[in-house]
Protein backbone atom coordinates (compact mmCIF):
# COMPACT_ATOMS: atom_id res chain seq x y z
CA UNK A 1 21.02 -170.66 2.46
CA UNK A 2 18.69 -173.41 1.21
CA UNK A 3 18.01 -174.01 -2.45
CA UNK A 4 14.51 -172.50 -2.26
CA UNK A 5 15.72 -169.44 -0.37
CA UNK A 6 18.53 -168.92 -2.89
CA UNK A 7 16.06 -169.07 -5.77
CA UNK A 8 13.78 -166.54 -4.05
CA UNK A 9 16.74 -164.24 -3.43
CA UNK A 10 17.66 -164.41 -7.12
CA UNK A 11 14.14 -163.50 -8.20
CA UNK A 12 14.10 -160.53 -5.83
CA UNK A 13 17.42 -159.34 -7.27
CA UNK A 14 16.08 -159.53 -10.84
CA UNK A 15 12.92 -157.60 -9.91
CA UNK A 16 14.99 -154.95 -8.17
CA UNK A 17 17.24 -154.58 -11.22
CA UNK A 18 14.22 -154.25 -13.51
CA UNK A 19 12.70 -151.60 -11.26
CA UNK A 20 15.95 -149.66 -11.35
CA UNK A 21 16.03 -149.72 -15.16
CA UNK A 22 12.47 -148.43 -15.46
CA UNK A 23 12.89 -145.64 -12.96
CA UNK A 24 12.68 -141.99 -13.99
CA UNK A 25 16.11 -141.05 -12.72
CA UNK A 26 19.60 -142.41 -12.76
CA UNK A 27 22.53 -142.64 -15.12
CA UNK A 28 21.60 -142.35 -18.80
CA UNK A 29 22.00 -145.66 -20.58
CA UNK A 30 23.44 -144.15 -23.75
CA UNK A 31 23.81 -146.51 -26.72
CA UNK A 32 22.89 -149.54 -24.59
CA UNK A 33 19.28 -148.36 -24.40
CA UNK A 34 18.97 -148.94 -28.15
CA UNK A 35 18.65 -152.65 -27.39
CA UNK A 36 15.50 -151.95 -25.32
CA UNK A 37 12.07 -150.85 -26.49
CA UNK A 38 11.64 -147.15 -27.15
CA UNK A 39 11.41 -145.26 -23.88
CA UNK A 40 12.64 -148.09 -21.68
CA UNK A 41 15.59 -147.59 -19.40
CA UNK A 42 16.57 -144.68 -17.20
CA UNK A 43 16.17 -141.05 -18.20
CA UNK A 44 16.60 -137.59 -16.73
CA UNK A 45 13.64 -135.78 -18.32
CA UNK A 46 10.43 -136.55 -20.19
CA UNK A 47 8.08 -134.77 -22.57
CA UNK A 48 4.72 -136.55 -22.45
CA UNK A 49 1.50 -136.04 -24.37
CA UNK A 50 -1.84 -136.80 -22.69
CA UNK A 51 -4.80 -135.92 -24.87
CA UNK A 52 -3.84 -132.61 -26.45
CA UNK A 53 -1.61 -131.52 -23.58
CA UNK A 54 2.17 -131.86 -23.48
CA UNK A 55 3.93 -131.77 -20.14
CA UNK A 56 7.64 -131.43 -19.50
CA UNK A 57 9.75 -129.85 -16.74
CA UNK A 58 8.48 -126.27 -16.50
CA UNK A 59 6.04 -126.63 -19.41
CA UNK A 60 2.40 -127.56 -19.92
CA UNK A 61 0.69 -126.79 -23.21
CA UNK A 62 -0.24 -127.98 -26.67
CA UNK A 63 3.08 -127.53 -28.46
CA UNK A 64 5.34 -130.58 -29.01
CA UNK A 65 8.46 -128.57 -29.84
CA UNK A 66 8.12 -126.40 -26.72
CA UNK A 67 7.74 -129.51 -24.59
CA UNK A 68 10.80 -131.17 -26.11
CA UNK A 69 12.84 -128.01 -25.70
CA UNK A 70 11.78 -127.72 -22.06
CA UNK A 71 12.82 -131.30 -21.40
CA UNK A 72 16.22 -130.83 -23.05
CA UNK A 73 16.79 -127.49 -21.35
CA UNK A 74 16.04 -129.02 -17.94
CA UNK A 75 19.15 -131.20 -18.16
CA UNK A 76 22.23 -130.07 -16.18
CA UNK A 77 24.08 -127.27 -17.93
CA UNK A 78 27.74 -127.81 -18.73
CA UNK A 79 27.47 -131.56 -18.25
CA UNK A 80 30.28 -133.84 -19.39
CA UNK A 81 28.33 -137.10 -19.34
CA UNK A 82 25.20 -138.03 -21.24
CA UNK A 83 21.71 -137.26 -19.99
CA UNK A 84 18.65 -138.75 -21.62
CA UNK A 85 15.31 -137.26 -22.68
CA UNK A 86 12.36 -139.49 -23.56
CA UNK A 87 9.52 -138.09 -25.66
CA UNK A 88 6.26 -140.00 -25.36
CA UNK A 89 3.71 -139.04 -27.98
CA UNK A 90 3.32 -137.62 -31.48
CA UNK A 91 2.88 -134.08 -32.71
CA UNK A 92 4.02 -131.46 -35.18
CA UNK A 93 7.07 -129.22 -35.49
CA UNK A 94 7.17 -126.15 -37.78
CA UNK A 95 9.46 -126.52 -40.79
CA UNK A 96 11.32 -123.31 -39.94
CA UNK A 97 12.20 -124.33 -36.37
CA UNK A 98 14.41 -127.00 -34.81
CA UNK A 99 14.97 -128.93 -31.63
CA UNK A 100 18.68 -128.26 -31.06
CA UNK A 101 20.49 -130.91 -29.07
CA UNK A 102 23.53 -129.79 -27.03
CA UNK A 103 26.52 -131.98 -26.26
CA UNK A 104 26.05 -135.05 -24.06
CA UNK A 105 22.37 -135.41 -24.88
CA UNK A 106 20.46 -138.62 -25.62
CA UNK A 107 17.05 -138.26 -27.29
CA UNK A 108 14.51 -141.07 -27.58
CA UNK A 109 11.30 -140.15 -29.41
CA UNK A 110 8.53 -142.71 -28.94
CA UNK A 111 6.15 -141.26 -31.46
CA UNK A 112 6.06 -139.37 -34.76
CA UNK A 113 7.22 -135.85 -35.51
CA UNK A 114 5.23 -134.34 -38.38
CA UNK A 115 6.92 -131.36 -40.06
CA UNK A 116 4.43 -128.70 -41.13
CA UNK A 117 4.28 -125.17 -42.49
CA UNK A 118 6.97 -123.05 -44.13
CA UNK A 119 10.43 -124.59 -44.47
CA UNK A 120 13.55 -122.80 -43.24
CA UNK A 121 16.98 -123.40 -44.75
CA UNK A 122 19.17 -125.72 -42.68
CA UNK A 123 16.35 -126.40 -40.25
CA UNK A 124 15.40 -129.87 -39.12
CA UNK A 125 13.03 -131.12 -36.45
CA UNK A 126 16.15 -132.60 -34.82
CA UNK A 127 19.42 -130.72 -35.21
CA UNK A 128 22.82 -130.67 -33.53
CA UNK A 129 25.74 -128.40 -34.43
CA UNK A 130 29.26 -128.03 -33.04
CA UNK A 131 28.58 -130.69 -30.42
CA UNK A 132 29.87 -134.02 -29.19
CA UNK A 133 28.40 -137.20 -27.71
CA UNK A 134 24.85 -136.87 -29.00
CA UNK A 135 22.48 -139.79 -29.55
CA UNK A 136 19.14 -140.07 -31.30
CA UNK A 137 17.92 -143.49 -30.32
CA UNK A 138 14.49 -143.73 -31.99
CA UNK A 139 12.40 -141.37 -34.07
CA UNK A 140 9.73 -141.33 -36.79
CA UNK A 141 9.54 -138.20 -38.96
CA UNK A 142 7.00 -137.34 -41.64
CA UNK A 143 6.38 -134.31 -43.86
CA UNK A 144 8.73 -132.33 -46.10
CA UNK A 145 11.43 -130.73 -43.92
CA UNK A 146 14.56 -129.08 -45.25
CA UNK A 147 16.38 -131.90 -43.44
CA UNK A 148 14.76 -134.50 -41.23
CA UNK A 149 17.91 -134.80 -39.09
CA UNK A 150 20.84 -132.40 -39.41
CA UNK A 151 24.30 -132.82 -37.90
CA UNK A 152 27.03 -130.23 -38.50
CA UNK A 153 30.56 -130.39 -37.08
CA UNK A 154 29.85 -133.08 -34.51
CA UNK A 155 31.93 -135.74 -32.77
CA UNK A 156 30.65 -139.09 -31.47
CA UNK A 157 27.18 -138.93 -33.00
CA UNK A 158 24.95 -142.01 -32.76
CA UNK A 159 21.60 -142.76 -34.36
CA UNK A 160 19.65 -145.93 -33.67
CA UNK A 161 16.35 -146.76 -35.38
CA UNK A 162 15.39 -143.91 -37.71
CA UNK A 163 12.16 -144.04 -39.72
CA UNK A 164 11.62 -141.22 -42.25
CA UNK A 165 8.43 -141.48 -44.31
CA UNK A 166 8.63 -138.17 -46.06
CA UNK A 167 6.83 -136.18 -48.74
CA UNK A 168 9.85 -134.06 -49.71
CA UNK A 169 13.11 -132.64 -48.39
CA UNK A 170 16.31 -134.51 -47.51
CA UNK A 171 16.49 -137.27 -44.90
CA UNK A 172 19.69 -137.23 -42.84
CA UNK A 173 22.42 -134.68 -43.60
CA UNK A 174 25.75 -134.92 -41.76
CA UNK A 175 28.50 -132.44 -42.69
CA UNK A 176 31.34 -130.23 -41.48
CA UNK A 177 30.37 -127.04 -43.24
CA UNK A 178 30.62 -124.78 -40.19
CA UNK A 179 34.37 -125.43 -40.25
CA UNK A 180 35.60 -127.28 -43.33
CA UNK A 181 39.04 -127.71 -41.75
CA UNK A 182 37.64 -129.93 -39.00
CA UNK A 183 35.81 -133.11 -40.01
CA UNK A 184 32.74 -134.42 -38.28
CA UNK A 185 34.06 -137.56 -36.57
CA UNK A 186 32.85 -140.92 -35.35
CA UNK A 187 29.29 -141.19 -36.63
CA UNK A 188 27.17 -144.32 -36.27
CA UNK A 189 23.75 -145.04 -37.73
CA UNK A 190 22.27 -148.42 -36.90
CA UNK A 191 19.28 -148.53 -39.27
CA UNK A 192 17.50 -145.89 -41.29
CA UNK A 193 14.41 -146.30 -43.48
CA UNK A 194 13.66 -143.35 -45.74
CA UNK A 195 10.95 -142.98 -48.35
CA UNK A 196 9.55 -140.12 -50.39
CA UNK A 197 12.33 -137.60 -49.86
CA UNK A 198 12.72 -135.02 -52.59
CA UNK A 199 16.50 -135.25 -52.32
CA UNK A 200 18.86 -137.84 -50.82
CA UNK A 201 17.92 -140.34 -48.16
CA UNK A 202 21.23 -140.01 -46.27
CA UNK A 203 24.06 -137.65 -47.23
CA UNK A 204 27.45 -137.06 -45.63
CA UNK A 205 30.06 -134.42 -46.43
CA UNK A 206 33.37 -134.10 -44.60
CA UNK A 207 33.09 -137.05 -42.21
CA UNK A 208 35.92 -139.15 -40.78
CA UNK A 209 34.71 -142.39 -39.22
CA UNK A 210 31.27 -143.52 -40.36
CA UNK A 211 29.55 -146.78 -39.48
CA UNK A 212 26.13 -147.61 -40.92
CA UNK A 213 24.12 -150.78 -40.51
CA UNK A 214 21.43 -150.55 -43.18
CA UNK A 215 20.08 -147.72 -45.31
CA UNK A 216 16.73 -148.74 -46.79
CA UNK A 217 15.69 -146.17 -49.39
CA UNK A 218 12.37 -146.21 -51.23
CA UNK A 219 11.46 -143.72 -53.97
CA UNK A 220 13.87 -141.04 -52.85
CA UNK A 221 14.18 -138.12 -55.25
CA UNK A 222 17.95 -138.52 -55.43
CA UNK A 223 20.46 -140.97 -53.93
CA UNK A 224 19.64 -143.46 -51.22
CA UNK A 225 23.07 -142.99 -49.63
CA UNK A 226 25.51 -140.33 -50.84
CA UNK A 227 29.00 -140.02 -49.40
CA UNK A 228 30.93 -136.83 -50.18
CA UNK A 229 34.51 -136.25 -48.98
CA UNK A 230 34.02 -138.95 -46.37
CA UNK A 231 36.76 -141.30 -45.18
CA UNK A 232 37.02 -144.43 -43.03
CA UNK A 233 33.47 -145.62 -43.61
CA UNK A 234 31.91 -149.04 -43.13
CA UNK A 235 28.39 -149.70 -44.42
CA UNK A 236 26.72 -153.06 -44.09
CA UNK A 237 23.94 -152.61 -46.65
CA UNK A 238 22.35 -150.09 -48.97
CA UNK A 239 18.95 -151.31 -50.18
CA UNK A 240 17.46 -148.97 -52.75
CA UNK A 241 14.26 -149.18 -54.77
CA UNK A 242 13.17 -146.35 -57.03
CA UNK A 243 16.01 -144.11 -55.83
CA UNK A 244 16.65 -141.10 -58.08
CA UNK A 245 14.23 -142.20 -60.78
CA UNK A 246 14.74 -140.14 -63.93
CA UNK A 247 18.05 -138.70 -62.66
CA UNK A 248 21.74 -139.55 -62.66
CA UNK A 249 21.73 -140.18 -58.93
CA UNK A 250 22.18 -143.69 -57.56
CA UNK A 251 21.12 -145.99 -54.78
CA UNK A 252 24.74 -145.60 -53.61
CA UNK A 253 26.88 -142.68 -54.73
CA UNK A 254 30.39 -141.48 -53.86
CA UNK A 255 31.51 -138.02 -54.94
CA UNK A 256 33.81 -135.07 -54.25
CA UNK A 257 37.00 -136.97 -53.46
CA UNK A 258 35.21 -139.42 -51.25
CA UNK A 259 37.70 -141.92 -49.84
CA UNK A 260 40.74 -139.71 -50.53
CA UNK A 261 43.19 -139.57 -47.62
CA UNK A 262 45.93 -137.06 -48.18
CA UNK A 263 46.74 -137.45 -51.85
CA UNK A 264 46.03 -141.17 -52.15
CA UNK A 265 43.21 -143.71 -52.05
CA UNK A 266 43.95 -146.54 -49.62
CA UNK A 267 41.00 -148.86 -49.13
CA UNK A 268 38.95 -147.15 -46.42
CA UNK A 269 35.36 -147.27 -47.73
CA UNK A 270 33.93 -150.74 -47.13
CA UNK A 271 30.42 -151.68 -48.21
CA UNK A 272 28.96 -155.10 -47.58
CA UNK A 273 26.11 -154.99 -50.08
CA UNK A 274 24.37 -152.67 -52.52
CA UNK A 275 20.92 -153.54 -53.84
CA UNK A 276 19.21 -151.37 -56.45
CA UNK A 277 15.90 -152.00 -58.16
CA UNK A 278 14.66 -149.47 -60.69
CA UNK A 279 15.28 -145.80 -60.06
CA UNK A 280 18.24 -143.98 -61.60
CA UNK A 281 21.70 -145.52 -61.30
CA UNK A 282 22.62 -148.41 -59.05
CA UNK A 283 26.18 -147.40 -58.08
CA UNK A 284 27.89 -144.15 -59.06
CA UNK A 285 31.50 -143.21 -58.25
CA UNK A 286 32.53 -139.77 -59.52
CA UNK A 287 34.80 -136.72 -59.10
CA UNK A 288 38.05 -138.23 -57.87
CA UNK A 289 36.54 -140.65 -55.36
CA UNK A 290 37.63 -144.17 -54.52
CA UNK A 291 39.44 -146.26 -51.94
CA UNK A 292 36.35 -148.46 -51.91
CA UNK A 293 35.45 -152.11 -51.89
CA UNK A 294 31.87 -153.33 -52.33
CA UNK A 295 31.52 -157.01 -51.50
CA UNK A 296 28.14 -157.85 -53.08
CA UNK A 297 25.96 -156.11 -55.65
CA UNK A 298 22.45 -156.90 -56.88
CA UNK A 299 21.32 -154.37 -59.49
CA UNK A 300 18.22 -154.74 -61.64
CA UNK A 301 16.32 -152.60 -64.13
CA UNK A 302 17.91 -149.28 -63.30
CA UNK A 303 16.71 -146.51 -65.60
CA UNK A 304 20.17 -145.02 -65.96
CA UNK A 305 23.54 -146.82 -65.68
CA UNK A 306 23.54 -149.89 -63.50
CA UNK A 307 27.05 -148.75 -62.54
CA UNK A 308 29.01 -145.66 -63.56
CA UNK A 309 32.66 -145.36 -62.51
CA UNK A 310 33.91 -141.95 -63.62
CA UNK A 311 37.35 -140.57 -62.60
CA UNK A 312 37.74 -142.91 -59.63
CA UNK A 313 40.72 -144.71 -58.14
CA UNK A 314 41.15 -148.01 -56.28
CA UNK A 315 37.61 -149.32 -56.52
CA UNK A 316 36.82 -153.04 -56.18
CA UNK A 317 33.32 -153.97 -57.31
CA UNK A 318 31.73 -157.28 -56.30
CA UNK A 319 34.69 -158.56 -54.34
CA UNK A 320 32.52 -161.53 -53.33
CA UNK A 321 29.58 -161.77 -55.76
CA UNK A 322 27.29 -159.76 -57.97
CA UNK A 323 24.48 -159.69 -60.48
CA UNK A 324 23.42 -157.05 -62.97
CA UNK A 325 20.13 -157.57 -64.76
CA UNK A 326 18.61 -155.27 -67.36
CA UNK A 327 18.67 -151.53 -66.92
CA UNK A 328 21.30 -149.17 -68.28
CA UNK A 329 24.82 -150.10 -69.21
CA UNK A 330 27.62 -150.83 -66.78
CA UNK A 331 30.04 -148.05 -67.73
CA UNK A 332 33.58 -146.98 -66.93
CA UNK A 333 34.02 -143.42 -68.16
CA UNK A 334 35.95 -140.19 -67.52
CA UNK A 335 35.55 -136.46 -67.62
CA UNK A 336 38.43 -134.47 -69.08
CA UNK A 337 38.92 -132.21 -66.02
CA UNK A 338 40.09 -135.09 -63.81
CA UNK A 339 42.61 -137.93 -64.27
CA UNK A 340 41.01 -141.06 -65.70
CA UNK A 341 40.02 -144.20 -63.84
CA UNK A 342 42.88 -146.09 -62.18
CA UNK A 343 43.15 -149.35 -60.27
CA UNK A 344 39.60 -150.54 -60.86
CA UNK A 345 38.59 -154.18 -60.39
CA UNK A 346 35.29 -155.54 -61.74
CA UNK A 347 34.79 -159.17 -60.82
CA UNK A 348 32.46 -162.01 -59.84
CA UNK A 349 29.43 -160.57 -61.65
CA UNK A 350 26.77 -162.28 -63.72
CA UNK A 351 25.36 -159.90 -66.34
CA UNK A 352 21.95 -160.61 -67.89
CA UNK A 353 20.38 -158.53 -70.67
CA UNK A 354 22.87 -155.76 -70.08
CA UNK A 355 26.02 -154.20 -71.53
CA UNK A 356 29.54 -153.54 -70.24
CA UNK A 357 31.56 -150.67 -71.69
CA UNK A 358 34.81 -148.88 -70.88
CA UNK A 359 35.48 -145.60 -72.68
CA UNK A 360 37.97 -144.02 -72.44
CA UNK A 361 40.44 -146.61 -71.23
CA UNK A 362 41.59 -146.40 -67.65
CA UNK A 363 44.86 -147.51 -66.05
CA UNK A 364 45.16 -150.92 -64.42
CA UNK A 365 41.52 -151.85 -64.94
CA UNK A 366 40.99 -155.54 -64.23
CA UNK A 367 38.01 -157.68 -65.28
CA UNK A 368 37.74 -161.24 -64.02
CA UNK A 369 35.21 -163.98 -63.38
CA UNK A 370 32.43 -162.34 -65.39
CA UNK A 371 29.49 -164.21 -66.87
CA UNK A 372 27.76 -162.47 -69.79
CA UNK A 373 24.22 -163.59 -70.63
CA UNK A 374 22.82 -161.71 -73.61
CA UNK A 375 25.24 -158.94 -72.66
CA UNK A 376 27.65 -157.04 -74.89
CA UNK A 377 31.17 -156.17 -73.80
CA UNK A 378 33.37 -153.37 -75.10
CA UNK A 379 36.29 -152.91 -72.72
CA UNK A 380 39.99 -152.14 -73.06
CA UNK A 381 41.16 -155.44 -71.60
């Protein structure tokens, strides 16, 4: 084959591959589709809005939720590999109803879901319970739902680009409360932006295996990211501004024996960076939590404590670098109903116009490489 013919053959192959990817049938791309634009790649069913009419397999009408349900329900029953639904368009979903995703379902919403009307407990516009291998690749949600996205007792749950611009409710809730003896396992969230929630931006309870890229929280009513009874977690960044203003909640909070494995606290919660500007607390560890290392912290002008470590064990703050500017005091404290702080390291932090206090004294609390600018210190060592 000549050079020109070979080049032409290569171009034809690329075009053929592109056509295959954009076709309406084929093997679902799963997590790989997240690298493409919303809606690109192969899929098994669509829900599409044209004008005021939604169409999906077996459905034509004005209701977004009915169209999405029809698309999901058209997928093969009893499947053991993922099938993908693409939603093209925006619309509303009642606050007391949910789109329930079964196992082996991939959902890609190229539009905005607006939650309206009366709110039902434990409802969310997107919900999955007692399932495995579920993906939510893209979605924008507005309104004040009970939860924007709700996962209960799931395994292998993936979320890609999640945008929640809310006027109340809680953003993403992931728990194991249908069966507290079985943890939700292997959860990944690439990036979530949440603003205006009445409660937390992202909350987990009873999860084993959590990977999060970035949680960006703006003016959430409570924490930006709250981990409860969660183990083996890796979070790249929590970026909070105005999170939990006027409350004791924090941009990043760990509670309810978070990080406890068996009866001990090996390092298993790893956070690359926590940023907090304004709001309530910056970082809050409470109620027998720990096993955590946070590499970098940047906390400024928090209305409550910049940091509160209360009855926690094996916590390493600012393992690489940190700054605390203004705001409430940096405090190590304890409640009487739990054992006091133990194995806490506070290091590599520059304090400016702040205060550092430890009361009561913990066990094996280490302070090193601290710079205090107009900052008082009252610690036990």
